[in-house]
């Protein structure tokens, strides 16, 4: 779980800072996989939930749900911005590439 959390945070950092869609999507998917595990730990009636468990897992669950919502919205906006950049690059001259008129 610790290694997955480190990987998830790294993917979120790289995806957000460098505007890389695959890394941000990986962050969102790992968050999506981690949320049911925390819900299971909190909702399982066969285990004894200590006050420390509740004190740690309730804020963790709140942060994970916020990250799911905000990460999905950020992913949507980033994909839209990348699509606009791609479409505009089709019409703008590139550096080092000469446009020839026929």
PDB file of N, CA and C in Angstrom:
ATOM      1  N   UNK A   1       0.831  -1.189   0.000  1.00  0.00           N
ATOM      2  CA  UNK A   1       0.000   0.000   0.000  1.00  0.00           C
ATOM      3  C   UNK A   1       0.872   1.248   0.000  1.00  0.00           C
ATOM      4  N   UNK A   2       1.989   1.195   0.702  1.00  0.00           N
ATOM      5  CA  UNK A   2       2.886   2.346   0.772  1.00  0.00           C
ATOM      6  C   UNK A   2       3.478   2.655  -0.598  1.00  0.00           C
ATOM      7  N   UNK A   3       3.892   1.620  -1.327  1.00  0.00           N
ATOM      8  CA  UNK A   3       4.484   1.816  -2.656  1.00  0.00           C
ATOM      9  C   UNK A   3       3.443   2.359  -3.636  1.00  0.00           C
ATOM     10  N   UNK A   4       2.209   1.901  -3.526  1.00  0.00           N
ATOM     11  CA  UNK A   4       1.149   2.389  -4.402  1.00  0.00           C
ATOM     12  C   UNK A   4       0.871   3.867  -4.122  1.00  0.00           C
ATOM     13  N   UNK A   5       0.900   4.247  -2.856  1.00  0.00           N
ATOM     14  CA  UNK A   5       0.668   5.649  -2.490  1.00  0.00           C
ATOM     15  C   UNK A   5       1.785   6.546  -3.023  1.00  0.00           C
ATOM     16  N   UNK A   6       3.027   6.085  -2.925  1.00  0.00           N
ATOM     17  CA  UNK A   6       4.158   6.855  -3.462  1.00  0.00           C
ATOM     18  C   UNK A   6       4.013   6.998  -4.972  1.00  0.00           C
ATOM     19  N   UNK A   7       3.675   5.915  -5.662  1.00  0.00           N
ATOM     20  CA  UNK A   7       3.485   5.958  -7.108  1.00  0.00           C
ATOM     21  C   UNK A   7       2.328   6.877  -7.478  1.00  0.00           C
ATOM     22  N   UNK A   8       1.241   6.816  -6.718  1.00  0.00           N
ATOM     23  CA  UNK A   8       0.065   7.648  -6.987  1.00  0.00           C
ATOM     24  C   UNK A   8       0.398   9.125  -6.848  1.00  0.00           C
ATOM     25  N   UNK A   9       1.111   9.483  -5.788  1.00  0.00           N
ATOM     26  CA  UNK A   9       1.481  10.881  -5.590  1.00  0.00           C
ATOM     27  C   UNK A   9       2.465  11.358  -6.646  1.00  0.00           C
ATOM     28  N   UNK A  10       3.396  10.494  -7.051  1.00  0.00           N
ATOM     29  CA  UNK A  10       4.346  10.864  -8.105  1.00  0.00           C
ATOM     30  C   UNK A  10       3.617  11.106  -9.427  1.00  0.00           C
ATOM     31  N   UNK A  11       2.687  10.227  -9.773  1.00  0.00           N
ATOM     32  CA  UNK A  11       1.939  10.397 -11.016  1.00  0.00           C
ATOM     33  C   UNK A  11       1.093  11.668 -10.986  1.00  0.00           C
ATOM     34  N   UNK A  12       0.501  11.970  -9.847  1.00  0.00           N
ATOM     35  CA  UNK A  12      -0.262  13.201  -9.729  1.00  0.00           C
ATOM     36  C   UNK A  12       0.604  14.430  -9.863  1.00  0.00           C
ATOM     37  N   UNK A  13       1.778  14.398  -9.267  1.00  0.00           N
ATOM     38  CA  UNK A  13       2.717  15.519  -9.349  1.00  0.00           C
ATOM     39  C   UNK A  13       3.186  15.725 -10.782  1.00  0.00           C
ATOM     40  N   UNK A  14       3.632  14.655 -11.426  1.00  0.00           N
ATOM     41  CA  UNK A  14       4.128  14.748 -12.805  1.00  0.00           C
ATOM     42  C   UNK A  14       3.017  15.152 -13.768  1.00  0.00           C
ATOM     43  N   UNK A  15       1.862  14.551 -13.614  1.00  0.00           N
ATOM     44  CA  UNK A  15       0.759  14.851 -14.522  1.00  0.00           C
ATOM     45  C   UNK A  15       0.273  16.281 -14.392  1.00  0.00           C
ATOM     46  N   UNK A  16       0.236  16.789 -13.185  1.00  0.00           N
ATOM     47  CA  UNK A  16      -0.260  18.142 -12.965  1.00  0.00           C
ATOM     48  C   UNK A  16       0.788  19.184 -13.343  1.00  0.00           C
ATOM     49  N   UNK A  17       2.005  18.981 -12.928  1.00  0.00           N
ATOM     50  CA  UNK A  17       3.032  19.993 -13.137  1.00  0.00           C
ATOM     51  C   UNK A  17       3.459  20.081 -14.593  1.00  0.00           C
ATOM     52  N   UNK A  18       3.592  18.948 -15.250  1.00  0.00           N
ATOM     53  CA  UNK A  18       4.078  18.939 -16.633  1.00  0.00           C
ATOM     54  C   UNK A  18       2.966  18.773 -17.659  1.00  0.00           C
ATOM     55  N   UNK A  19       1.721  18.791 -17.190  1.00  0.00           N
ATOM     56  CA  UNK A  19       0.541  18.662 -18.054  1.00  0.00           C
ATOM     57  C   UNK A  19       0.608  17.418 -18.931  1.00  0.00           C
ATOM     58  N   UNK A  20       0.867  16.300 -18.300  1.00  0.00           N
ATOM     59  CA  UNK A  20       0.906  15.018 -18.996  1.00  0.00           C
ATOM     60  C   UNK A  20      -0.371  14.252 -18.672  1.00  0.00           C
ATOM     61  N   UNK A  21      -1.130  13.972 -19.709  1.00  0.00           N
ATOM     62  CA  UNK A  21      -2.423  13.311 -19.527  1.00  0.00           C
ATOM     63  C   UNK A  21      -2.276  11.878 -19.017  1.00  0.00           C
ATOM     64  N   UNK A  22      -1.365  11.051 -19.545  1.00  0.00           N
ATOM     65  CA  UNK A  22      -1.292   9.665 -19.047  1.00  0.00           C
ATOM     66  C   UNK A  22      -0.948   9.567 -17.559  1.00  0.00           C
ATOM     67  N   UNK A  23      -0.044  10.437 -17.100  1.00  0.00           N
ATOM     68  CA  UNK A  23       0.325  10.398 -15.684  1.00  0.00           C
ATOM     69  C   UNK A  23      -0.840  10.828 -14.802  1.00  0.00           C
ATOM     70  N   UNK A  24      -1.557  11.863 -15.225  1.00  0.00           N
ATOM     71  CA  UNK A  24      -2.700  12.313 -14.432  1.00  0.00           C
ATOM     72  C   UNK A  24      -3.823  11.279 -14.447  1.00  0.00           C
ATOM     73  N   UNK A  25      -3.997  10.594 -15.570  1.00  0.00           N
ATOM     74  CA  UNK A  25      -4.995   9.520 -15.634  1.00  0.00           C
ATOM     75  C   UNK A  25      -4.588   8.360 -14.725  1.00  0.00           C
ATOM     76  N   UNK A  26      -3.297   8.047 -14.675  1.00  0.00           N
ATOM     77  CA  UNK A  26      -2.817   7.003 -13.763  1.00  0.00           C
ATOM     78  C   UNK A  26      -3.059   7.368 -12.315  1.00  0.00           C
ATOM     79  N   UNK A  27      -2.826   8.636 -11.974  1.00  0.00           N
ATOM     80  CA  UNK A  27      -3.118   9.113 -10.621  1.00  0.00           C
ATOM     81  C   UNK A  27      -4.592   8.926 -10.297  1.00  0.00           C
ATOM     82  N   UNK A  28      -5.451   9.294 -11.233  1.00  0.00           N
ATOM     83  CA  UNK A  28      -6.885   9.208 -10.992  1.00  0.00           C
ATOM     84  C   UNK A  28      -7.329   7.750 -10.843  1.00  0.00           C
ATOM     85  N   UNK A  29      -6.785   6.867 -11.673  1.00  0.00           N
ATOM     86  CA  UNK A  29      -7.157   5.451 -11.574  1.00  0.00           C
ATOM     87  C   UNK A  29      -6.665   4.814 -10.279  1.00  0.00           C
ATOM     88  N   UNK A  30      -5.454   5.164  -9.849  1.00  0.00           N
ATOM     89  CA  UNK A  30      -4.975   4.625  -8.574  1.00  0.00           C
ATOM     90  C   UNK A  30      -5.798   5.160  -7.404  1.00  0.00           C
ATOM     91  N   UNK A  31      -6.242   6.403  -7.512  1.00  0.00           N
ATOM     92  CA  UNK A  31      -7.131   6.957  -6.479  1.00  0.00           C
ATOM     93  C   UNK A  31      -8.458   6.216  -6.484  1.00  0.00           C
ATOM     94  N   UNK A  32      -8.941   5.911  -7.687  1.00  0.00           N
ATOM     95  CA  UNK A  32     -10.201   5.186  -7.815  1.00  0.00           C
ATOM     96  C   UNK A  32     -10.103   3.780  -7.223  1.00  0.00           C
ATOM     97  N   UNK A  33      -8.939   3.153  -7.340  1.00  0.00           N
ATOM     98  CA  UNK A  33      -8.743   1.814  -6.769  1.00  0.00           C
ATOM     99  C   UNK A  33      -8.547   1.846  -5.253  1.00  0.00           C
ATOM    100  N   UNK A  34      -7.978   2.927  -4.750  1.00  0.00           N
ATOM    101  CA  UNK A  34      -7.692   3.015  -3.322  1.00  0.00           C
ATOM    102  C   UNK A  34      -8.943   3.338  -2.499  1.00  0.00           C
ATOM    103  N   UNK A  35      -9.878   4.069  -3.080  1.00  0.00           N
ATOM    104  CA  UNK A  35     -11.071   4.492  -2.343  1.00  0.00           C
ATOM    105  C   UNK A  35     -11.918   3.316  -1.841  1.00  0.00           C
ATOM    106  N   UNK A  36     -12.217   2.293  -2.643  1.00  0.00           N
ATOM    107  CA  UNK A  36     -12.997   1.168  -2.100  1.00  0.00           C
ATOM    108  C   UNK A  36     -12.283   0.416  -0.978  1.00  0.00           C
ATOM    109  N   UNK A  37     -10.950   0.386  -1.025  1.00  0.00           N
ATOM    110  CA  UNK A  37     -10.223  -0.287   0.056  1.00  0.00           C
ATOM    111  C   UNK A  37     -10.411   0.446   1.386  1.00  0.00           C
ATOM    112  N   UNK A  38     -10.352   1.760   1.348  1.00  0.00           N
ATOM    113  CA  UNK A  38     -10.560   2.536   2.578  1.00  0.00           C
ATOM    114  C   UNK A  38     -12.010   2.402   3.035  1.00  0.00           C
ATOM    115  N   UNK A  39     -12.942   2.412   2.101  1.00  0.00           N
ATOM    116  CA  UNK A  39     -14.349   2.215   2.458  1.00  0.00           C
ATOM    117  C   UNK A  39     -14.572   0.852   3.089  1.00  0.00           C
ATOM    118  N   UNK A  40     -13.915  -0.179   2.576  1.00  0.00           N
ATOM    119  CA  UNK A  40     -14.057  -1.518   3.143  1.00  0.00           C
ATOM    120  C   UNK A  40     -13.524  -1.567   4.571  1.00  0.00           C
ATOM    121  N   UNK A  41     -12.391  -0.948   4.795  1.00  0.00           N
ATOM    122  CA  UNK A  41     -11.810  -0.937   6.146  1.00  0.00           C
ATOM    123  C   UNK A  41     -12.747  -0.216   7.118  1.00  0.00           C
ATOM    124  N   UNK A  42     -13.364   0.865   6.649  1.00  0.00           N
ATOM    125  CA  UNK A  42     -14.243   1.625   7.536  1.00  0.00           C
ATOM    126  C   UNK A  42     -15.597   0.942   7.762  1.00  0.00           C
ATOM    127  N   UNK A  43     -16.098   0.240   6.743  1.00  0.00           N
ATOM    128  CA  UNK A  43     -17.444  -0.320   6.835  1.00  0.00           C
ATOM    129  C   UNK A  43     -17.486  -1.782   7.265  1.00  0.00           C
ATOM    130  N   UNK A  44     -16.365  -2.450   7.367  1.00  0.00           N
ATOM    131  CA  UNK A  44     -16.338  -3.858   7.734  1.00  0.00           C
ATOM    132  C   UNK A  44     -16.720  -4.006   9.204  1.00  0.00           C
ATOM    133  N   UNK A  45     -17.792  -4.733   9.439  1.00  0.00           N
ATOM    134  CA  UNK A  45     -18.273  -4.913  10.810  1.00  0.00           C
ATOM    135  C   UNK A  45     -17.555  -6.050  11.539  1.00  0.00           C
ATOM    136  N   UNK A  46     -16.776  -6.829  10.834  1.00  0.00           N
ATOM    137  CA  UNK A  46     -16.070  -7.944  11.458  1.00  0.00           C
ATOM    138  C   UNK A  46     -14.779  -7.520  12.133  1.00  0.00           C
ATOM    139  N   UNK A  47     -14.349  -6.312  11.898  1.00  0.00           N
ATOM    140  CA  UNK A  47     -13.124  -5.828  12.533  1.00  0.00           C
ATOM    141  C   UNK A  47     -13.458  -4.785  13.581  1.00  0.00           C
ATOM    142  N   UNK A  48     -12.583  -4.650  14.516  1.00  0.00           N
ATOM    143  CA  UNK A  48     -12.744  -3.633  15.549  1.00  0.00           C
ATOM    144  C   UNK A  48     -12.077  -2.356  15.045  1.00  0.00           C
ATOM    145  N   UNK A  49     -12.877  -1.306  14.940  1.00  0.00           N
ATOM    146  CA  UNK A  49     -12.342  -0.025  14.476  1.00  0.00           C
ATOM    147  C   UNK A  49     -11.952   0.794  15.706  1.00  0.00           C
ATOM    148  N   UNK A  50     -10.664   1.001  15.842  1.00  0.00           N
ATOM    149  CA  UNK A  50     -10.159   1.799  16.958  1.00  0.00           C
ATOM    150  C   UNK A  50     -10.357   3.279  16.666  1.00  0.00           C
ATOM    151  N   UNK A  51     -10.363   4.100  17.695  1.00  0.00           N
ATOM    152  CA  UNK A  51     -10.514   5.541  17.464  1.00  0.00           C
ATOM    153  C   UNK A  51      -9.402   6.116  16.579  1.00  0.00           C
ATOM    154  N   UNK A  52      -8.199   5.573  16.693  1.00  0.00           N
ATOM    155  CA  UNK A  52      -7.106   6.046  15.848  1.00  0.00           C
ATOM    156  C   UNK A  52      -7.359   5.688  14.386  1.00  0.00           C
ATOM    157  N   UNK A  53      -7.925   4.504  14.134  1.00  0.00           N
ATOM    158  CA  UNK A  53      -8.277   4.126  12.766  1.00  0.00           C
ATOM    159  C   UNK A  53      -9.289   5.100  12.174  1.00  0.00           C
ATOM    160  N   UNK A  54     -10.298   5.420  12.943  1.00  0.00           N
ATOM    161  CA  UNK A  54     -11.318   6.354  12.462  1.00  0.00           C
ATOM    162  C   UNK A  54     -10.726   7.746  12.262  1.00  0.00           C
ATOM    163  N   UNK A  55      -9.865   8.153  13.166  1.00  0.00           N
ATOM    164  CA  UNK A  55      -9.255   9.479  13.058  1.00  0.00           C
ATOM    165  C   UNK A  55      -8.361   9.602  11.831  1.00  0.00           C
ATOM    166  N   UNK A  56      -7.794   8.504  11.393  1.00  0.00           N
ATOM    167  CA  UNK A  56      -6.930   8.530  10.203  1.00  0.00           C
ATOM    168  C   UNK A  56      -7.739   8.282   8.929  1.00  0.00           C
ATOM    169  N   UNK A  57      -8.649   7.307   8.954  1.00  0.00           N
ATOM    170  CA  UNK A  57      -9.335   6.906   7.735  1.00  0.00           C
ATOM    171  C   UNK A  57     -10.456   7.846   7.306  1.00  0.00           C
ATOM    172  N   UNK A  58     -11.103   8.524   8.224  1.00  0.00           N
ATOM    173  CA  UNK A  58     -12.173   9.448   7.825  1.00  0.00           C
ATOM    174  C   UNK A  58     -11.607  10.635   7.041  1.00  0.00           C
ATOM    175  N   UNK A  59     -10.561  11.321   7.518  1.00  0.00           N
ATOM    176  CA  UNK A  59      -9.986  12.390   6.671  1.00  0.00           C
ATOM    177  C   UNK A  59      -9.376  11.851   5.380  1.00  0.00           C
ATOM    178  N   UNK A  60      -8.772  10.653   5.437  1.00  0.00           N
ATOM    179  CA  UNK A  60      -8.218  10.046   4.227  1.00  0.00           C
ATOM    180  C   UNK A  60      -9.311   9.817   3.199  1.00  0.00           C
ATOM    181  N   UNK A  61     -10.443   9.317   3.633  1.00  0.00           N
ATOM    182  CA  UNK A  61     -11.560   9.085   2.725  1.00  0.00           C
ATOM    183  C   UNK A  61     -12.085  10.400   2.161  1.00  0.00           C
ATOM    184  N   UNK A  62     -12.159  11.421   2.978  1.00  0.00           N
ATOM    185  CA  UNK A  62     -12.608  12.737   2.503  1.00  0.00           C
ATOM    186  C   UNK A  62     -11.645  13.289   1.452  1.00  0.00           C
ATOM    187  N   UNK A  63     -10.351  13.164   1.698  1.00  0.00           N
ATOM    188  CA  UNK A  63      -9.364  13.638   0.730  1.00  0.00           C
ATOM    189  C   UNK A  63      -9.418  12.821  -0.563  1.00  0.00           C
ATOM    190  N   UNK A  64      -9.591  11.506  -0.443  1.00  0.00           N
ATOM    191  CA  UNK A  64      -9.673  10.667  -1.641  1.00  0.00           C
ATOM    192  C   UNK A  64     -10.892  11.018  -2.490  1.00  0.00           C
ATOM    193  N   UNK A  65     -12.023  11.262  -1.853  1.00  0.00           N
ATOM    194  CA  UNK A  65     -13.217  11.641  -2.605  1.00  0.00           C
ATOM    195  C   UNK A  65     -13.038  13.002  -3.273  1.00  0.00           C
ATOM    196  N   UNK A  66     -12.398  13.937  -2.573  1.00  0.00           N
ATOM    197  CA  UNK A  66     -12.115  15.239  -3.177  1.00  0.00           C
ATOM    198  C   UNK A  66     -11.149  15.087  -4.349  1.00  0.00           C
ATOM    199  N   UNK A  67     -10.148  14.227  -4.205  1.00  0.00           N
ATOM    200  CA  UNK A  67      -9.189  14.004  -5.285  1.00  0.00           C
ATOM    201  C   UNK A  67      -9.850  13.337  -6.487  1.00  0.00           C
ATOM    202  N   UNK A  68     -10.803  12.472  -6.246  1.00  0.00           N
ATOM    203  CA  UNK A  68     -11.524  11.859  -7.358  1.00  0.00           C
ATOM    204  C   UNK A  68     -12.299  12.901  -8.148  1.00  0.00           C
ATOM    205  N   UNK A  69     -13.035  13.736  -7.455  1.00  0.00           N
ATOM    206  CA  UNK A  69     -13.848  14.757  -8.139  1.00  0.00           C
ATOM    207  C   UNK A  69     -12.971  15.796  -8.831  1.00  0.00           C
ATOM    208  N   UNK A  70     -12.032  16.352  -8.101  1.00  0.00           N
ATOM    209  CA  UNK A  70     -11.185  17.404  -8.665  1.00  0.00           C
ATOM    210  C   UNK A  70     -10.223  16.861  -9.716  1.00  0.00           C
ATOM    211  N   UNK A  71      -9.731  15.648  -9.527  1.00  0.00           N
ATOM    212  CA  UNK A  71      -8.839  15.044 -10.509  1.00  0.00           C
ATOM    213  C   UNK A  71      -9.552  14.749 -11.818  1.00  0.00           C
ATOM    214  N   UNK A  72     -10.798  14.314 -11.737  1.00  0.00           N
ATOM    215  CA  UNK A  72     -11.571  14.060 -12.952  1.00  0.00           C
ATOM    216  C   UNK A  72     -11.795  15.350 -13.718  1.00  0.00           C
ATOM    217  N   UNK A  73     -12.130  16.406 -12.994  1.00  0.00           N
ATOM    218  CA  UNK A  73     -12.355  17.709 -13.649  1.00  0.00           C
ATOM    219  C   UNK A  73     -11.053  18.248 -14.253  1.00  0.00           C
ATOM    220  N   UNK A  74      -9.950  18.106 -13.536  1.00  0.00           N
ATOM    221  CA  UNK A  74      -8.663  18.556 -14.062  1.00  0.00           C
ATOM    222  C   UNK A  74      -8.276  17.762 -15.299  1.00  0.00           C
ATOM    223  N   UNK A  75      -8.568  16.477 -15.292  1.00  0.00           N
ATOM    224  CA  UNK A  75      -8.279  15.633 -16.451  1.00  0.00           C
ATOM    225  C   UNK A  75      -9.110  16.060 -17.653  1.00  0.00           C
ATOM    226  N   UNK A  76     -10.375  16.368 -17.446  1.00  0.00           N
ATOM    227  CA  UNK A  76     -11.221  16.845 -18.526  1.00  0.00           C
ATOM    228  C   UNK A  76     -10.684  18.148 -19.108  1.00  0.00           C
ATOM    229  N   UNK A  77     -10.342  19.093 -18.246  1.00  0.00           N
ATOM    230  CA  UNK A  77      -9.837  20.382 -18.716  1.00  0.00           C
ATOM    231  C   UNK A  77      -8.503  20.236 -19.436  1.00  0.00           C
ATOM    232  N   UNK A  78      -7.636  19.367 -18.927  1.00  0.00           N
ATOM    233  CA  UNK A  78      -6.331  19.177 -19.552  1.00  0.00           C
ATOM    234  C   UNK A  78      -6.470  18.527 -20.925  1.00  0.00           C
ATOM    235  N   UNK A  79      -7.354  17.560 -21.060  1.00  0.00           N
ATOM    236  CA  UNK A  79      -7.567  16.920 -22.355  1.00  0.00           C
ATOM    237  C   UNK A  79      -8.122  17.929 -23.351  1.00  0.00           C
ATOM    238  N   UNK A  80      -9.036  18.769 -22.901  1.00  0.00           N
ATOM    239  CA  UNK A  80      -9.576  19.809 -23.780  1.00  0.00           C
ATOM    240  C   UNK A  80      -8.501  20.795 -24.227  1.00  0.00           C
ATOM    241  N   UNK A  81      -7.644  21.206 -23.303  1.00  0.00           N
ATOM    242  CA  UNK A  81      -6.572  22.140 -23.640  1.00  0.00           C
ATOM    243  C   UNK A  81      -5.556  21.501 -24.574  1.00  0.00           C
ATOM    244  N   UNK A  82      -5.233  20.230 -24.361  1.00  0.00           N
ATOM    245  CA  UNK A  82      -4.295  19.541 -25.235  1.00  0.00           C
ATOM    246  C   UNK A  82      -4.886  19.369 -26.639  1.00  0.00           C
ATOM    247  N   UNK A  83      -6.190  19.120 -26.736  1.00  0.00           N
ATOM    248  CA  UNK A  83      -6.836  18.991 -28.043  1.00  0.00           C
ATOM    249  C   UNK A  83      -6.804  20.321 -28.787  1.00  0.00           C
ATOM    250  N   UNK A  84      -7.046  21.418 -28.079  1.00  0.00           N
ATOM    251  CA  UNK A  84      -6.991  22.738 -28.711  1.00  0.00           C
ATOM    252  C   UNK A  84      -5.576  23.034 -29.192  1.00  0.00           C
ATOM    253  N   UNK A  85      -4.568  22.719 -28.371  1.00  0.00           N
ATOM    254  CA  UNK A  85      -3.175  22.917 -28.795  1.00  0.00           C
ATOM    255  C   UNK A  85      -2.863  22.106 -30.047  1.00  0.00           C
ATOM    256  N   UNK A  86      -3.350  20.871 -30.085  1.00  0.00           N
ATOM    257  CA  UNK A  86      -3.098  20.030 -31.253  1.00  0.00           C
ATOM    258  C   UNK A  86      -3.752  20.596 -32.501  1.00  0.00           C
ATOM    259  N   UNK A  87      -5.017  20.998 -32.388  1.00  0.00           N
ATOM    260  CA  UNK A  87      -5.706  21.531 -33.558  1.00  0.00           C
ATOM    261  C   UNK A  87      -5.079  22.838 -34.030  1.00  0.00           C
ATOM    262  N   UNK A  88      -4.673  23.689 -33.101  1.00  0.00           N
ATOM    263  CA  UNK A  88      -4.039  24.947 -33.491  1.00  0.00           C
ATOM    264  C   UNK A  88      -2.662  24.729 -34.088  1.00  0.00           C
ATOM    265  N   UNK A  89      -1.981  23.683 -33.670  1.00  0.00           N
ATOM    266  CA  UNK A  89      -0.649  23.413 -34.221  1.00  0.00           C
ATOM    267  C   UNK A  89      -0.726  22.968 -35.680  1.00  0.00           C
ATOM    268  N   UNK A  90      -1.883  22.532 -36.123  1.00  0.00           N
ATOM    269  CA  UNK A  90      -2.042  22.141 -37.514  1.00  0.00           C
ATOM    270  C   UNK A  90      -2.018  23.349 -38.446  1.00  0.00           C
ATOM    271  N   UNK A  91      -2.376  24.533 -37.925  1.00  0.00           N
ATOM    272  CA  UNK A  91      -2.469  25.728 -38.749  1.00  0.00           C
ATOM    273  C   UNK A  91      -1.322  26.701 -38.537  1.00  0.00           C
ATOM    274  N   UNK A  92      -0.652  26.617 -37.407  1.00  0.00           N
ATOM    275  CA  UNK A  92       0.445  27.536 -37.106  1.00  0.00           C
ATOM    276  C   UNK A  92       1.750  26.952 -37.620  1.00  0.00           C
ATOM    277  N   UNK A  93       2.651  27.807 -38.132  1.00  0.00           N
ATOM    278  CA  UNK A  93       3.954  27.287 -38.573  1.00  0.00           C
ATOM    279  C   UNK A  93       4.778  26.830 -37.382  1.00  0.00           C
ATOM    280  N   UNK A  94       5.496  25.737 -37.580  1.00  0.00           N
ATOM    281  CA  UNK A  94       6.337  25.177 -36.535  1.00  0.00           C
ATOM    282  C   UNK A  94       7.718  25.811 -36.590  1.00  0.00           C
ATOM    283  N   UNK A  95       8.430  25.834 -35.499  1.00  0.00           N
ATOM    284  CA  UNK A  95       9.790  26.339 -35.471  1.00  0.00           C
ATOM    285  C   UNK A  95      10.685  25.416 -36.281  1.00  0.00           C
ATOM    286  N   UNK A  96      11.456  25.988 -37.176  1.00  0.00           N
ATOM    287  CA  UNK A  96      12.379  25.201 -37.971  1.00  0.00           C
ATOM    288  C   UNK A  96      11.771  24.525 -39.178  1.00  0.00           C
ATOM    289  N   UNK A  97      10.469  24.701 -39.392  1.00  0.00           N
ATOM    290  CA  UNK A  97       9.793  24.099 -40.535  1.00  0.00           C
ATOM    291  C   UNK A  97       9.277  25.226 -41.407  1.00  0.00           C
ATOM    292  N   UNK A  98       9.682  25.219 -42.665  1.00  0.00           N
ATOM    293  CA  UNK A  98       9.241  26.254 -43.583  1.00  0.00           C
ATOM    294  C   UNK A  98       7.942  25.824 -44.248  1.00  0.00           C
ATOM    295  N   UNK A  99       7.039  26.773 -44.405  1.00  0.00           N
ATOM    296  CA  UNK A  99       5.800  26.505 -45.103  1.00  0.00           C
ATOM    297  C   UNK A  99       5.981  26.938 -46.550  1.00  0.00           C
ATOM    298  N   UNK A 100       5.698  26.039 -47.464  1.00  0.00           N
ATOM    299  CA  UNK A 100       5.811  26.355 -48.887  1.00  0.00           C
ATOM    300  C   UNK A 100       4.437  26.633 -49.449  1.00  0.00           C
ATOM    301  N   UNK A 101       4.348  27.651 -50.253  1.00  0.00           N
ATOM    302  CA  UNK A 101       3.088  27.910 -50.939  1.00  0.00           C
ATOM    303  C   UNK A 101       3.159  27.303 -52.340  1.00  0.00           C
ATOM    304  N   UNK A 102       2.070  26.797 -52.796  1.00  0.00           N
ATOM    305  CA  UNK A 102       2.065  26.132 -54.111  1.00  0.00           C
ATOM    306  C   UNK A 102       1.604  27.058 -55.192  1.00  0.00           C
TER     307      UNK A 102
END
